[in-house]
C-alpha atoms as a PDB file:
ATOM      1  CA  MET A   1      -4.150  -4.603 -10.447  1.00  0.00           C
ATOM      2  CA  LYS A   2      -3.738  -1.683 -12.801  1.00  0.00           C
ATOM      3  CA  PHE A   3      -1.622   1.310 -11.869  1.00  0.00           C
ATOM      4  CA  ILE A   4      -1.137   4.426 -13.948  1.00  0.00           C
ATOM      5  CA  LEU A   5       2.064   6.297 -13.141  1.00  0.00           C
ATOM      6  CA  ILE A   6       2.722   9.959 -13.850  1.00  0.00           C
ATOM      7  CA  ARG A   7       5.535  12.263 -12.856  1.00  0.00           C
ATOM      8  CA  HIS A   8       4.850  15.569 -11.179  1.00  0.00           C
ATOM      9  CA  ALA A   9       4.590  18.614 -13.443  1.00  0.00           C
ATOM     10  CA  GLU A  10       7.428  21.055 -14.064  1.00  0.00           C
ATOM     11  CA  THR A  11       9.142  23.082 -11.341  1.00  0.00           C
ATOM     12  CA  ASP A  12      11.655  25.876 -11.686  1.00  0.00           C
ATOM     13  CA  TRP A  13      14.309  23.434 -10.464  1.00  0.00           C
ATOM     14  CA  ASN A  14      13.408  21.068 -13.319  1.00  0.00           C
ATOM     15  CA  VAL A  15      14.040  23.905 -15.749  1.00  0.00           C
ATOM     16  CA  GLU A  16      17.413  24.536 -14.071  1.00  0.00           C
ATOM     17  CA  ASN A  17      18.207  20.778 -14.104  1.00  0.00           C
ATOM     18  CA  ARG A  18      18.623  20.730 -10.305  1.00  0.00           C
ATOM     19  CA  LEU A  19      18.373  17.630  -8.146  1.00  0.00           C
ATOM     20  CA  GLN A  20      15.247  18.078  -6.036  1.00  0.00           C
ATOM     21  CA  GLY A  21      15.123  14.902  -3.983  1.00  0.00           C
ATOM     22  CA  HIS A  22      13.136  15.586  -0.822  1.00  0.00           C
ATOM     23  CA  THR A  23      13.333  19.374  -1.215  1.00  0.00           C
ATOM     24  CA  ASP A  24       9.720  20.553  -1.232  1.00  0.00           C
ATOM     25  CA  THR A  25       9.514  22.639  -4.403  1.00  0.00           C
ATOM     26  CA  GLU A  26       6.300  23.772  -6.099  1.00  0.00           C
ATOM     27  CA  ILE A  27       5.214  23.441  -9.706  1.00  0.00           C
ATOM     28  CA  ASN A  28       5.517  26.545 -11.873  1.00  0.00           C
ATOM     29  CA  GLU A  29       2.961  28.061 -14.276  1.00  0.00           C
ATOM     30  CA  ASN A  30       4.105  25.817 -17.122  1.00  0.00           C
ATOM     31  CA  GLY A  31       3.764  22.877 -14.744  1.00  0.00           C
ATOM     32  CA  LYS A  32       0.165  23.815 -13.997  1.00  0.00           C
ATOM     33  CA  ALA A  33      -0.566  23.829 -17.735  1.00  0.00           C
ATOM     34  CA  GLN A  34       1.198  20.453 -18.101  1.00  0.00           C
ATOM     35  CA  ALA A  35      -0.916  18.967 -15.305  1.00  0.00           C
ATOM     36  CA  ARG A  36      -4.149  20.207 -16.907  1.00  0.00           C
ATOM     37  CA  ALA A  37      -3.154  18.809 -20.320  1.00  0.00           C
ATOM     38  CA  LEU A  38      -2.250  15.438 -18.833  1.00  0.00           C
ATOM     39  CA  ALA A  39      -5.486  15.366 -16.825  1.00  0.00           C
ATOM     40  CA  GLU A  40      -7.489  15.715 -20.040  1.00  0.00           C
ATOM     41  CA  GLU A  41      -5.690  12.656 -21.456  1.00  0.00           C
ATOM     42  CA  LEU A  42      -6.425  10.671 -18.303  1.00  0.00           C
ATOM     43  CA  VAL A  43     -10.181  11.339 -18.171  1.00  0.00           C
ATOM     44  CA  PRO A  44     -11.195   8.280 -20.274  1.00  0.00           C
ATOM     45  CA  LEU A  45      -9.083   5.849 -18.194  1.00  0.00           C
ATOM     46  CA  SER A  46     -11.676   5.374 -15.410  1.00  0.00           C
ATOM     47  CA  ILE A  47      -9.367   6.155 -12.505  1.00  0.00           C
ATOM     48  CA  HIS A  48     -10.860   5.338  -9.103  1.00  0.00           C
ATOM     49  CA  ARG A  49      -8.417   7.161  -6.850  1.00  0.00           C
ATOM     50  CA  ILE A  50      -5.179   9.134  -6.934  1.00  0.00           C
ATOM     51  CA  ILE A  51      -2.278   8.437  -4.619  1.00  0.00           C
ATOM     52  CA  SER A  52       0.486  11.025  -4.636  1.00  0.00           C
ATOM     53  CA  SER A  53       3.844  11.637  -3.086  1.00  0.00           C
ATOM     54  CA  ASP A  54       3.429  14.080  -0.222  1.00  0.00           C
ATOM     55  CA  LEU A  55       5.960  16.522  -1.707  1.00  0.00           C
ATOM     56  CA  LYS A  56       4.299  19.755  -2.909  1.00  0.00           C
ATOM     57  CA  ARG A  57       5.193  19.362  -6.569  1.00  0.00           C
ATOM     58  CA  ALA A  58       3.504  15.964  -6.760  1.00  0.00           C
ATOM     59  CA  ALA A  59       0.564  16.899  -4.530  1.00  0.00           C
ATOM     60  CA  GLN A  60      -0.120  20.032  -6.593  1.00  0.00           C
ATOM     61  CA  THR A  61      -0.032  17.966  -9.784  1.00  0.00           C
ATOM     62  CA  ALA A  62      -2.396  15.428  -8.203  1.00  0.00           C
ATOM     63  CA  ASP A  63      -4.832  18.133  -7.115  1.00  0.00           C
ATOM     64  CA  ILE A  64      -5.011  19.593 -10.623  1.00  0.00           C
ATOM     65  CA  VAL A  65      -5.543  16.154 -12.152  1.00  0.00           C
ATOM     66  CA  ALA A  66      -8.160  15.325  -9.501  1.00  0.00           C
ATOM     67  CA  SER A  67     -10.135  18.426 -10.414  1.00  0.00           C
ATOM     68  CA  PHE A  68     -10.626  16.906 -13.890  1.00  0.00           C
ATOM     69  CA  LEU A  69     -11.155  13.308 -12.802  1.00  0.00           C
ATOM     70  CA  GLY A  70     -13.269  13.802  -9.699  1.00  0.00           C
ATOM     71  CA  ALA A  71     -11.193  11.160  -7.905  1.00  0.00           C
ATOM     72  CA  PRO A  72     -10.014  11.504  -4.306  1.00  0.00           C
ATOM     73  CA  VAL A  73      -6.343  12.240  -3.601  1.00  0.00           C
ATOM     74  CA  HIS A  74      -4.398  10.460  -0.869  1.00  0.00           C
ATOM     75  CA  LEU A  75      -0.827  11.437   0.032  1.00  0.00           C
ATOM     76  CA  ASP A  76       1.844   8.822   0.699  1.00  0.00           C
ATOM     77  CA  ALA A  77       5.447   9.652   1.638  1.00  0.00           C
ATOM     78  CA  ARG A  78       6.585   6.288   0.242  1.00  0.00           C
ATOM     79  CA  LEU A  79       6.133   7.738  -3.260  1.00  0.00           C
ATOM     80  CA  ARG A  80       8.652  10.509  -2.603  1.00  0.00           C
ATOM     81  CA  GLU A  81      11.589  11.082  -4.875  1.00  0.00           C
ATOM     82  CA  CYS A  82      14.912   9.445  -4.136  1.00  0.00           C
ATOM     83  CA  SER A  83      16.709  11.347  -1.406  1.00  0.00           C
ATOM     84  CA  PHE A  84      19.913  12.757  -2.838  1.00  0.00           C
ATOM     85  CA  GLY A  85      20.932  14.071   0.598  1.00  0.00           C
ATOM     86  CA  SER A  86      23.284  17.040   0.444  1.00  0.00           C
ATOM     87  CA  LEU A  87      23.211  16.878  -3.360  1.00  0.00           C
ATOM     88  CA  ASP A  88      19.685  18.353  -3.322  1.00  0.00           C
ATOM     89  CA  GLY A  89      19.738  21.744  -4.983  1.00  0.00           C
ATOM     90  CA  ILE A  90      22.802  21.312  -7.156  1.00  0.00           C
ATOM     91  CA  THR A  91      22.571  20.753 -10.892  1.00  0.00           C
ATOM     92  CA  ARG A  92      23.212  17.382 -12.447  1.00  0.00           C
ATOM     93  CA  GLN A  93      26.249  18.905 -14.155  1.00  0.00           C
ATOM     94  CA  GLU A  94      27.616  20.085 -10.803  1.00  0.00           C
ATOM     95  CA  ALA A  95      27.001  16.617  -9.313  1.00  0.00           C
ATOM     96  CA  PHE A  96      29.044  15.106 -12.111  1.00  0.00           C
ATOM     97  CA  GLU A  97      31.836  17.692 -12.009  1.00  0.00           C
ATOM     98  CA  GLN A  98      32.191  17.715  -8.213  1.00  0.00           C
ATOM     99  CA  TYR A  99      31.495  14.095  -7.322  1.00  0.00           C
ATOM    100  CA  GLY A 100      31.431  12.038 -10.519  1.00  0.00           C
ATOM    101  CA  ILE A 101      27.745  11.295  -9.904  1.00  0.00           C
ATOM    102  CA  LEU A 102      25.807  10.398 -13.023  1.00  0.00           C
ATOM    103  CA  HIS A 103      22.046  10.289 -13.377  1.00  0.00           C
ATOM    104  CA  TYR A 104      20.440   7.008 -12.259  1.00  0.00           C
ATOM    105  CA  SER A 105      19.876   5.834 -15.828  1.00  0.00           C
ATOM    106  CA  GLU A 106      23.633   5.412 -16.177  1.00  0.00           C
ATOM    107  CA  GLY A 107      23.449   2.466 -13.760  1.00  0.00           C
ATOM    108  CA  SER A 108      22.690   1.852 -10.118  1.00  0.00           C
ATOM    109  CA  TYR A 109      22.995   4.679  -7.640  1.00  0.00           C
ATOM    110  CA  ASN A 110      24.013   5.150  -4.036  1.00  0.00           C
ATOM    111  CA  HIS A 111      23.590   8.543  -2.382  1.00  0.00           C
ATOM    112  CA  ARG A 112      24.289   7.267   1.129  1.00  0.00           C
ATOM    113  CA  ALA A 113      27.644   9.109   1.283  1.00  0.00           C
ATOM    114  CA  PHE A 114      25.667  12.358   0.894  1.00  0.00           C
ATOM    115  CA  GLY A 115      23.001  11.452   3.451  1.00  0.00           C
ATOM    116  CA  GLY A 116      20.652  10.147   0.763  1.00  0.00           C
ATOM    117  CA  GLU A 117      19.290   6.789  -0.321  1.00  0.00           C
ATOM    118  CA  LEU A 118      20.473   3.658  -2.021  1.00  0.00           C
ATOM    119  CA  GLN A 119      18.663   2.485  -5.132  1.00  0.00           C
ATOM    120  CA  GLU A 120      17.443  -0.526  -3.138  1.00  0.00           C
ATOM    121  CA  ASP A 121      15.855   1.801  -0.545  1.00  0.00           C
ATOM    122  CA  VAL A 122      13.864   3.589  -3.243  1.00  0.00           C
ATOM    123  CA  ILE A 123      12.705   0.316  -4.799  1.00  0.00           C
ATOM    124  CA  ALA A 124      11.713  -1.152  -1.427  1.00  0.00           C
ATOM    125  CA  ARG A 125       9.502   1.743  -0.349  1.00  0.00           C
ATOM    126  CA  HIS A 126       7.791   2.007  -3.741  1.00  0.00           C
ATOM    127  CA  ARG A 127       7.147  -1.753  -3.889  1.00  0.00           C
ATOM    128  CA  THR A 128       5.798  -1.778  -0.337  1.00  0.00           C
ATOM    129  CA  ALA A 129       3.331   0.922  -1.342  1.00  0.00           C
ATOM    130  CA  LEU A 130       2.249  -0.947  -4.482  1.00  0.00           C
ATOM    131  CA  ASP A 131       1.810  -4.187  -2.530  1.00  0.00           C
ATOM    132  CA  GLU A 132      -0.421  -2.409  -0.023  1.00  0.00           C
ATOM    133  CA  TYR A 133      -2.538  -0.681  -2.696  1.00  0.00           C
ATOM    134  CA  ALA A 134      -3.009  -3.940  -4.580  1.00  0.00           C
ATOM    135  CA  LEU A 135      -4.373  -5.574  -1.410  1.00  0.00           C
ATOM    136  CA  ARG A 136      -6.549  -2.632  -0.337  1.00  0.00           C
ATOM    137  CA  HIS A 137      -7.981  -1.712  -3.749  1.00  0.00           C
ATOM    138  CA  PRO A 138      -8.291  -4.868  -5.872  1.00  0.00           C
ATOM    139  CA  GLY A 139      -9.922  -4.326  -9.233  1.00  0.00           C
ATOM    140  CA  GLU A 140      -9.520  -0.556  -9.100  1.00  0.00           C
ATOM    141  CA  THR A 141      -7.415   1.627 -11.359  1.00  0.00           C
ATOM    142  CA  LEU A 142      -5.123   3.821  -9.294  1.00  0.00           C
ATOM    143  CA  LEU A 143      -3.227   6.846 -10.525  1.00  0.00           C
ATOM    144  CA  LEU A 144       0.118   7.261  -8.787  1.00  0.00           C
ATOM    145  CA  VAL A 145       1.782  10.682  -8.884  1.00  0.00           C
ATOM    146  CA  GLY A 146       5.485  10.606  -8.166  1.00  0.00           C
ATOM    147  CA  HIS A 147       8.926  11.539  -9.333  1.00  0.00           C
ATOM    148  CA  GLY A 148      11.366  10.776 -12.129  1.00  0.00           C
ATOM    149  CA  THR A 149      14.125   8.877 -10.373  1.00  0.00           C
ATOM    150  CA  GLY A 150      11.741   7.059  -8.052  1.00  0.00           C
ATOM    151  CA  PHE A 151       9.278   5.941 -10.716  1.00  0.00           C
ATOM    152  CA  ASN A 152      11.859   5.165 -13.386  1.00  0.00           C
ATOM    153  CA  THR A 153      13.819   3.063 -10.899  1.00  0.00           C
ATOM    154  CA  LEU A 154      10.614   1.218  -9.999  1.00  0.00           C
ATOM    155  CA  LEU A 155       9.703   0.696 -13.650  1.00  0.00           C
ATOM    156  CA  MET A 156      13.094  -0.827 -14.415  1.00  0.00           C
ATOM    157  CA  GLU A 157      12.805  -3.103 -11.364  1.00  0.00           C
ATOM    158  CA  LEU A 158       9.427  -4.327 -12.674  1.00  0.00           C
ATOM    159  CA  GLY A 159      10.811  -5.054 -16.149  1.00  0.00           C
ATOM    160  CA  TYR A 160       9.537  -1.918 -17.902  1.00  0.00           C
ATOM    161  CA  GLU A 161      11.574   0.760 -19.623  1.00  0.00           C
ATOM    162  CA  GLY A 162      12.633   3.392 -17.126  1.00  0.00           C
ATOM    163  CA  ASN A 163      11.957   6.366 -19.358  1.00  0.00           C
ATOM    164  CA  LEU A 164       8.755   7.947 -18.029  1.00  0.00           C
ATOM    165  CA  LYS A 165       8.890  11.605 -18.966  1.00  0.00           C
ATOM    166  CA  ARG A 166       6.970  14.560 -17.637  1.00  0.00           C
ATOM    167  CA  GLY A 167       3.581  14.840 -19.349  1.00  0.00           C
ATOM    168  CA  GLN A 168       3.412  11.117 -20.092  1.00  0.00           C
ATOM    169  CA  TYR A 169       1.681   8.302 -18.277  1.00  0.00           C
ATOM    170  CA  ARG A 170       2.532   4.632 -18.022  1.00  0.00           C
ATOM    171  CA  ILE A 171       0.006   1.876 -17.367  1.00  0.00           C
ATOM    172  CA  ILE A 172       1.395  -1.120 -15.524  1.00  0.00           C
ATOM    173  CA  GLU A 173      -0.167  -4.381 -14.377  1.00  0.00           C
ATOM    174  CA  TYR A 174       0.958  -5.410 -10.932  1.00  0.00           C
END
């Protein structure tokens, strides 16, 4: 099974380096341009369907990409970003200064003390989704639209580099 992973396009909170988690932010004008540029790169990859996180920033990215690809979009809450709990809305710098919290790439993470998720929670829901898609859509190429912490955590769990950046795509065999 082939999956193509992309991160949602830019939001104002991305520009401000704020933790978004489950906060339902929208992409900005630059993000719309990013989504269109990425869609043009994806056209030759013969994508059958698009499955997106249900958060606005991912769904808006998926809709823009779908307008280029002509593929249907399905929303799935399992592809949501990691919940940072009460840390949502603060900058990464503030998270470090106030709580000693580093970005996930510095090691494993646990946001349970803030009402958020454990790294294992994020991996489990993403893997459950991939398992289901692989069974329901064998032989198809699916584009998954998600989030930085969620997808990069998943990529590392699957043995890939966890460095998927906005505007890039990653093809994985599952």
